[in-house]
Amino acid sequence: MKRTIEWERLSAGLSPVHRAPAGLKLALALAAIVVTLALPLPAWRGYAALLAALLAVLLAARLPAAALLRRLLWLEPLAAGVALAALAGPDGPRRFGALLARATLCLLVMLLITATTSFPELLRALRRARLPALLATTLGLAYRYLFLLREETLRLERARRARSVGPAQRRRTWRELGRTAGQLFVRTTGRAERVYAAMSARGWT
């Protein structure tokens, strides 16, 4: 959760990429993804050209490469999961590598746009692109309550540490973390029900 909030701060930069219209960046990101998916398997020259273009955007946006790499490594299991099915077919390893490269490039595109564009700007661009109103509202609420969830998590973590006495033991630590996760689920569920009741009382459907 903390990494999510810190990642959001990157979008407050002042580079030309940050100042570009959110709609334009969203259109270019979607175009890059479509081109990546349209390339034949494998198309290493095409993948290399797209990677070079993305690295150029990274440099122009003056983003910390280490932070981007860490986030990409966190998401890389998703890319590997997409490519695993290719191992069962003919020419499996070669197709696996190509699919892994393709999925990684798509993830990198999404990381770049989220690191250079704030979520409210992206949401406004999606609404202008005729995103269904219900989906836009759901995304907006989810973004808003990420911060509340972070604050609730920090409060529970401080309370857990205040109750802990003596050196930490692995078994006790895992037990306390499980208890904290359960409390967080109960509290967030209760808050969600209260928010929904308040929205329904105001006529939201």
C-alpha atoms as a PDB file:
ATOM      1  CA  MET A   1       0.000   0.000   0.000  1.00  0.00           C
ATOM      2  CA  LYS A   2       2.829   2.395   0.851  1.00  0.00           C
ATOM      3  CA  ARG A   3       4.480   1.668  -2.498  1.00  0.00           C
ATOM      4  CA  THR A   4       1.189   2.450  -4.237  1.00  0.00           C
ATOM      5  CA  ILE A   5       0.984   5.891  -2.626  1.00  0.00           C
ATOM      6  CA  GLU A   6       4.664   6.628  -3.342  1.00  0.00           C
ATOM      7  CA  TRP A   7       4.173   5.576  -6.965  1.00  0.00           C
ATOM      8  CA  GLU A   8       1.303   8.059  -7.231  1.00  0.00           C
ATOM      9  CA  ARG A   9       3.672  10.874  -6.206  1.00  0.00           C
ATOM     10  CA  LEU A  10       5.769  10.254  -9.318  1.00  0.00           C
ATOM     11  CA  SER A  11       2.891  11.550 -11.447  1.00  0.00           C
ATOM     12  CA  ALA A  12       3.366  15.034  -9.936  1.00  0.00           C
ATOM     13  CA  GLY A  13       6.536  15.640 -11.984  1.00  0.00           C
ATOM     14  CA  LEU A  14       7.135  18.659 -14.200  1.00  0.00           C
ATOM     15  CA  SER A  15       8.676  17.036 -17.272  1.00  0.00           C
ATOM     16  CA  PRO A  16       7.201  17.543 -20.768  1.00  0.00           C
ATOM     17  CA  VAL A  17       5.817  14.009 -20.580  1.00  0.00           C
ATOM     18  CA  HIS A  18       4.011  14.825 -17.325  1.00  0.00           C
ATOM     19  CA  ARG A  19       2.560  18.018 -18.815  1.00  0.00           C
ATOM     20  CA  ALA A  20       1.249  16.314 -21.958  1.00  0.00           C
ATOM     21  CA  PRO A  21      -2.562  15.892 -22.117  1.00  0.00           C
ATOM     22  CA  ALA A  22      -3.772  12.751 -20.376  1.00  0.00           C
ATOM     23  CA  GLY A  23      -5.976  11.850 -23.341  1.00  0.00           C
ATOM     24  CA  LEU A  24      -3.008  11.948 -25.715  1.00  0.00           C
ATOM     25  CA  LYS A  25      -0.885   9.774 -23.409  1.00  0.00           C
ATOM     26  CA  LEU A  26      -3.723   7.305 -22.979  1.00  0.00           C
ATOM     27  CA  ALA A  27      -4.238   7.078 -26.749  1.00  0.00           C
ATOM     28  CA  LEU A  28      -0.517   6.556 -27.354  1.00  0.00           C
ATOM     29  CA  ALA A  29      -0.348   3.908 -24.622  1.00  0.00           C
ATOM     30  CA  LEU A  30      -3.266   2.003 -26.122  1.00  0.00           C
ATOM     31  CA  ALA A  31      -1.712   2.308 -29.580  1.00  0.00           C
ATOM     32  CA  ALA A  32       1.594   0.941 -28.273  1.00  0.00           C
ATOM     33  CA  ILE A  33      -0.182  -2.016 -26.693  1.00  0.00           C
ATOM     34  CA  VAL A  34      -2.166  -2.737 -29.861  1.00  0.00           C
ATOM     35  CA  VAL A  35       1.004  -2.594 -31.972  1.00  0.00           C
ATOM     36  CA  THR A  36       2.810  -4.906 -29.547  1.00  0.00           C
ATOM     37  CA  LEU A  37      -0.001  -7.441 -29.634  1.00  0.00           C
ATOM     38  CA  ALA A  38      -0.265  -7.203 -33.420  1.00  0.00           C
ATOM     39  CA  LEU A  39       3.393  -8.070 -34.000  1.00  0.00           C
ATOM     40  CA  PRO A  40       4.016 -11.667 -35.109  1.00  0.00           C
ATOM     41  CA  LEU A  41       5.611 -14.186 -32.776  1.00  0.00           C
ATOM     42  CA  PRO A  42       8.462 -13.655 -32.423  1.00  0.00           C
ATOM     43  CA  ALA A  43       9.291 -10.139 -33.657  1.00  0.00           C
ATOM     44  CA  TRP A  44      12.445  -9.318 -31.750  1.00  0.00           C
ATOM     45  CA  ARG A  45      13.325  -6.262 -33.826  1.00  0.00           C
ATOM     46  CA  GLY A  46       9.885  -4.823 -33.246  1.00  0.00           C
ATOM     47  CA  TYR A  47      10.110  -5.541 -29.520  1.00  0.00           C
ATOM     48  CA  ALA A  48      13.546  -3.908 -29.377  1.00  0.00           C
ATOM     49  CA  ALA A  49      12.275  -0.819 -31.213  1.00  0.00           C
ATOM     50  CA  LEU A  50       9.341  -0.456 -28.829  1.00  0.00           C
ATOM     51  CA  LEU A  51      11.610  -0.946 -25.822  1.00  0.00           C
ATOM     52  CA  ALA A  52      13.925   1.793 -27.129  1.00  0.00           C
ATOM     53  CA  ALA A  53      10.941   4.133 -27.526  1.00  0.00           C
ATOM     54  CA  LEU A  54       9.762   3.389 -23.978  1.00  0.00           C
ATOM     55  CA  LEU A  55      13.262   3.994 -22.582  1.00  0.00           C
ATOM     56  CA  ALA A  56      13.306   7.328 -24.409  1.00  0.00           C
ATOM     57  CA  VAL A  57      10.008   8.242 -22.715  1.00  0.00           C
ATOM     58  CA  LEU A  58      11.488   7.168 -19.380  1.00  0.00           C
ATOM     59  CA  LEU A  59      14.463   9.485 -19.869  1.00  0.00           C
ATOM     60  CA  ALA A  60      12.297  12.378 -21.071  1.00  0.00           C
ATOM     61  CA  ALA A  61      10.027  12.002 -18.045  1.00  0.00           C
ATOM     62  CA  ARG A  62      13.048  11.931 -15.698  1.00  0.00           C
ATOM     63  CA  LEU A  63      11.591   8.984 -13.776  1.00  0.00           C
ATOM     64  CA  PRO A  64      13.704   6.947 -11.338  1.00  0.00           C
ATOM     65  CA  ALA A  65      14.643   3.851 -13.302  1.00  0.00           C
ATOM     66  CA  ALA A  66      15.185   1.828 -10.123  1.00  0.00           C
ATOM     67  CA  ALA A  67      11.611   2.440  -8.918  1.00  0.00           C
ATOM     68  CA  LEU A  68      10.233   1.491 -12.322  1.00  0.00           C
ATOM     69  CA  LEU A  69      12.335  -1.679 -12.424  1.00  0.00           C
ATOM     70  CA  ARG A  70      11.223  -2.719  -8.933  1.00  0.00           C
ATOM     71  CA  ARG A  71       7.565  -2.302  -9.835  1.00  0.00           C
ATOM     72  CA  LEU A  72       8.101  -4.175 -13.100  1.00  0.00           C
ATOM     73  CA  LEU A  73       9.711  -7.076 -11.232  1.00  0.00           C
ATOM     74  CA  TRP A  74       6.741  -7.200  -8.879  1.00  0.00           C
ATOM     75  CA  LEU A  75       4.419  -7.541 -11.867  1.00  0.00           C
ATOM     76  CA  GLU A  76       6.630  -9.855 -13.906  1.00  0.00           C
ATOM     77  CA  PRO A  77       4.984 -13.042 -12.526  1.00  0.00           C
ATOM     78  CA  LEU A  78       1.802 -11.890 -14.268  1.00  0.00           C
ATOM     79  CA  ALA A  79       3.661 -11.671 -17.552  1.00  0.00           C
ATOM     80  CA  ALA A  80       5.215 -15.096 -16.985  1.00  0.00           C
ATOM     81  CA  GLY A  81       1.800 -16.543 -16.180  1.00  0.00           C
ATOM     82  CA  VAL A  82       0.440 -15.254 -19.495  1.00  0.00           C
ATOM     83  CA  ALA A  83       3.334 -16.857 -21.382  1.00  0.00           C
ATOM     84  CA  LEU A  84       3.392 -20.225 -19.590  1.00  0.00           C
ATOM     85  CA  ALA A  85       0.685 -21.746 -21.778  1.00  0.00           C
ATOM     86  CA  ALA A  86       3.005 -21.484 -24.788  1.00  0.00           C
ATOM     87  CA  LEU A  87       5.392 -24.058 -23.315  1.00  0.00           C
ATOM     88  CA  ALA A  88       2.888 -26.834 -23.977  1.00  0.00           C
ATOM     89  CA  GLY A  89       2.701 -26.133 -27.713  1.00  0.00           C
ATOM     90  CA  PRO A  90       5.143 -26.632 -30.570  1.00  0.00           C
ATOM     91  CA  ASP A  91       8.300 -24.533 -30.444  1.00  0.00           C
ATOM     92  CA  GLY A  92       7.358 -23.843 -26.820  1.00  0.00           C
ATOM     93  CA  PRO A  93      10.498 -22.136 -25.416  1.00  0.00           C
ATOM     94  CA  ARG A  94      10.732 -19.749 -28.369  1.00  0.00           C
ATOM     95  CA  ARG A  95       7.065 -18.782 -28.152  1.00  0.00           C
ATOM     96  CA  PHE A  96       7.328 -18.501 -24.365  1.00  0.00           C
ATOM     97  CA  GLY A  97      10.160 -15.978 -24.684  1.00  0.00           C
ATOM     98  CA  ALA A  98       8.265 -13.973 -27.271  1.00  0.00           C
ATOM     99  CA  LEU A  99       5.065 -13.910 -25.217  1.00  0.00           C
ATOM    100  CA  LEU A 100       7.011 -12.960 -22.097  1.00  0.00           C
ATOM    101  CA  ALA A 101       8.658 -10.071 -23.955  1.00  0.00           C
ATOM    102  CA  ARG A 102       5.295  -8.949 -25.332  1.00  0.00           C
ATOM    103  CA  ALA A 103       3.577  -9.025 -21.928  1.00  0.00           C
ATOM    104  CA  THR A 104       6.511  -7.254 -20.273  1.00  0.00           C
ATOM    105  CA  LEU A 105       6.390  -4.452 -22.832  1.00  0.00           C
ATOM    106  CA  CYS A 106       2.660  -3.992 -22.242  1.00  0.00           C
ATOM    107  CA  LEU A 107       3.258  -3.808 -18.492  1.00  0.00           C
ATOM    108  CA  LEU A 108       6.019  -1.265 -19.027  1.00  0.00           C
ATOM    109  CA  VAL A 109       3.679   0.892 -21.116  1.00  0.00           C
ATOM    110  CA  MET A 110       1.088   0.900 -18.324  1.00  0.00           C
ATOM    111  CA  LEU A 111       3.711   1.658 -15.678  1.00  0.00           C
ATOM    112  CA  LEU A 112       4.958   4.637 -17.669  1.00  0.00           C
ATOM    113  CA  ILE A 113       1.518   6.163 -18.147  1.00  0.00           C
ATOM    114  CA  THR A 114       0.572   5.712 -14.490  1.00  0.00           C
ATOM    115  CA  ALA A 115       3.913   7.185 -13.393  1.00  0.00           C
ATOM    116  CA  THR A 116       3.471  10.298 -15.549  1.00  0.00           C
ATOM    117  CA  THR A 117      -0.290  10.874 -15.213  1.00  0.00           C
ATOM    118  CA  SER A 118      -2.297  11.210 -12.022  1.00  0.00           C
ATOM    119  CA  PHE A 119      -5.224   8.875 -11.575  1.00  0.00           C
ATOM    120  CA  PRO A 120      -7.852  11.677 -11.589  1.00  0.00           C
ATOM    121  CA  GLU A 121      -6.481  12.877 -14.944  1.00  0.00           C
ATOM    122  CA  LEU A 122      -6.604   9.353 -16.337  1.00  0.00           C
ATOM    123  CA  LEU A 123     -10.147   8.946 -15.077  1.00  0.00           C
ATOM    124  CA  ARG A 124     -11.257  12.182 -16.746  1.00  0.00           C
ATOM    125  CA  ALA A 125      -9.637  11.050 -19.998  1.00  0.00           C
ATOM    126  CA  LEU A 126     -11.440   7.704 -19.761  1.00  0.00           C
ATOM    127  CA  ARG A 127     -14.742   9.459 -19.177  1.00  0.00           C
ATOM    128  CA  ARG A 128     -14.174  11.621 -22.245  1.00  0.00           C
ATOM    129  CA  ALA A 129     -13.469   8.368 -24.123  1.00  0.00           C
ATOM    130  CA  ARG A 130     -17.008   7.193 -23.207  1.00  0.00           C
ATOM    131  CA  LEU A 131     -16.049   4.790 -20.444  1.00  0.00           C
ATOM    132  CA  PRO A 132     -19.296   3.514 -18.851  1.00  0.00           C
ATOM    133  CA  ALA A 133     -20.295   5.832 -16.004  1.00  0.00           C
ATOM    134  CA  LEU A 134     -20.703   2.981 -13.500  1.00  0.00           C
ATOM    135  CA  LEU A 135     -17.193   1.684 -14.191  1.00  0.00           C
ATOM    136  CA  ALA A 136     -15.721   5.204 -13.950  1.00  0.00           C
ATOM    137  CA  THR A 137     -17.458   5.765 -10.606  1.00  0.00           C
ATOM    138  CA  THR A 138     -16.235   2.409  -9.293  1.00  0.00           C
ATOM    139  CA  LEU A 139     -12.650   3.197 -10.288  1.00  0.00           C
ATOM    140  CA  GLY A 140     -12.884   6.635  -8.691  1.00  0.00           C
ATOM    141  CA  LEU A 141     -14.191   5.216  -5.416  1.00  0.00           C
ATOM    142  CA  ALA A 142     -11.525   2.502  -5.383  1.00  0.00           C
ATOM    143  CA  TYR A 143      -8.807   5.131  -5.856  1.00  0.00           C
ATOM    144  CA  ARG A 144     -10.259   7.353  -3.141  1.00  0.00           C
ATOM    145  CA  TYR A 145     -10.414   4.573  -0.577  1.00  0.00           C
ATOM    146  CA  LEU A 146      -6.895   3.346  -1.215  1.00  0.00           C
ATOM    147  CA  PHE A 147      -5.733   6.217   0.995  1.00  0.00           C
ATOM    148  CA  LEU A 148      -8.232   5.365   3.730  1.00  0.00           C
ATOM    149  CA  LEU A 149      -7.151   1.732   3.573  1.00  0.00           C
ATOM    150  CA  ARG A 150      -3.531   2.807   3.943  1.00  0.00           C
ATOM    151  CA  GLU A 151      -4.314   4.930   7.004  1.00  0.00           C
ATOM    152  CA  GLU A 152      -6.281   2.097   8.593  1.00  0.00           C
ATOM    153  CA  THR A 153      -3.423  -0.331   7.911  1.00  0.00           C
ATOM    154  CA  LEU A 154      -0.893   2.032   9.515  1.00  0.00           C
ATOM    155  CA  ARG A 155      -3.072   2.438  12.613  1.00  0.00           C
ATOM    156  CA  LEU A 156      -3.390  -1.318  13.036  1.00  0.00           C
ATOM    157  CA  GLU A 157       0.342  -1.783  12.491  1.00  0.00           C
ATOM    158  CA  ARG A 158       1.194   0.834  15.138  1.00  0.00           C
ATOM    159  CA  ALA A 159      -1.205  -0.825  17.583  1.00  0.00           C
ATOM    160  CA  ARG A 160       0.324  -4.249  16.892  1.00  0.00           C
ATOM    161  CA  ARG A 161       3.845  -2.977  17.509  1.00  0.00           C
ATOM    162  CA  ALA A 162       2.777  -1.229  20.712  1.00  0.00           C
ATOM    163  CA  ARG A 163       1.402  -4.513  22.061  1.00  0.00           C
ATOM    164  CA  SER A 164       4.507  -6.527  21.109  1.00  0.00           C
ATOM    165  CA  VAL A 165       6.956  -7.061  23.983  1.00  0.00           C
ATOM    166  CA  GLY A 166      10.318  -8.766  23.747  1.00  0.00           C
ATOM    167  CA  PRO A 167      12.226  -9.994  20.710  1.00  0.00           C
ATOM    168  CA  ALA A 168      10.191 -10.828  17.644  1.00  0.00           C
ATOM    169  CA  GLN A 169       9.551 -14.506  16.934  1.00  0.00           C
ATOM    170  CA  ARG A 170       8.649 -15.702  13.469  1.00  0.00           C
ATOM    171  CA  ARG A 171       5.622 -17.731  14.568  1.00  0.00           C
ATOM    172  CA  ARG A 172       4.256 -14.893  16.694  1.00  0.00           C
ATOM    173  CA  THR A 173       4.923 -12.373  13.931  1.00  0.00           C
ATOM    174  CA  TRP A 174       2.944 -14.380  11.378  1.00  0.00           C
ATOM    175  CA  ARG A 175       0.131 -14.884  13.869  1.00  0.00           C
ATOM    176  CA  GLU A 176      -0.034 -11.149  14.593  1.00  0.00           C
ATOM    177  CA  LEU A 177       0.025 -10.317  10.895  1.00  0.00           C
ATOM    178  CA  GLY A 178      -2.851 -12.719  10.283  1.00  0.00           C
ATOM    179  CA  ARG A 179      -4.831 -11.146  13.109  1.00  0.00           C
ATOM    180  CA  THR A 180      -4.112  -7.685  11.722  1.00  0.00           C
ATOM    181  CA  ALA A 181      -5.276  -8.735   8.248  1.00  0.00           C
ATOM    182  CA  GLY A 182      -8.501 -10.100   9.737  1.00  0.00           C
ATOM    183  CA  GLN A 183      -9.152  -6.881  11.651  1.00  0.00           C
ATOM    184  CA  LEU A 184      -8.453  -4.853   8.546  1.00  0.00           C
ATOM    185  CA  PHE A 185     -10.964  -6.924   6.568  1.00  0.00           C
ATOM    186  CA  VAL A 186     -13.647  -6.484   9.240  1.00  0.00           C
ATOM    187  CA  ARG A 187     -13.075  -2.737   9.489  1.00  0.00           C
ATOM    188  CA  THR A 188     -13.008  -2.142   5.745  1.00  0.00           C
ATOM    189  CA  THR A 189     -16.141  -4.236   5.250  1.00  0.00           C
ATOM    190  CA  GLY A 190     -17.949  -2.251   7.927  1.00  0.00           C
ATOM    191  CA  ARG A 191     -16.816   1.021   6.420  1.00  0.00           C
ATOM    192  CA  ALA A 192     -17.903  -0.076   2.950  1.00  0.00           C
ATOM    193  CA  GLU A 193     -21.366  -0.910   4.283  1.00  0.00           C
ATOM    194  CA  ARG A 194     -21.638   2.485   5.994  1.00  0.00           C
ATOM    195  CA  VAL A 195     -20.516   4.285   2.840  1.00  0.00           C
ATOM    196  CA  TYR A 196     -23.023   2.366   0.735  1.00  0.00           C
ATOM    197  CA  ALA A 197     -25.821   3.147   3.205  1.00  0.00           C
ATOM    198  CA  ALA A 198     -24.913   6.843   3.112  1.00  0.00           C
ATOM    199  CA  MET A 199     -24.809   6.852  -0.693  1.00  0.00           C
ATOM    200  CA  SER A 200     -28.170   5.064  -0.911  1.00  0.00           C
ATOM    201  CA  ALA A 201     -29.686   7.594   1.515  1.00  0.00           C
ATOM    202  CA  ARG A 202     -28.578  10.333  -0.907  1.00  0.00           C
ATOM    203  CA  GLY A 203     -30.262   8.650  -3.845  1.00  0.00           C
ATOM    204  CA  TRP A 204     -27.209   7.011  -5.447  1.00  0.00           C
ATOM    205  CA  THR A 205     -28.054   3.977  -7.581  1.00  0.00           C
END
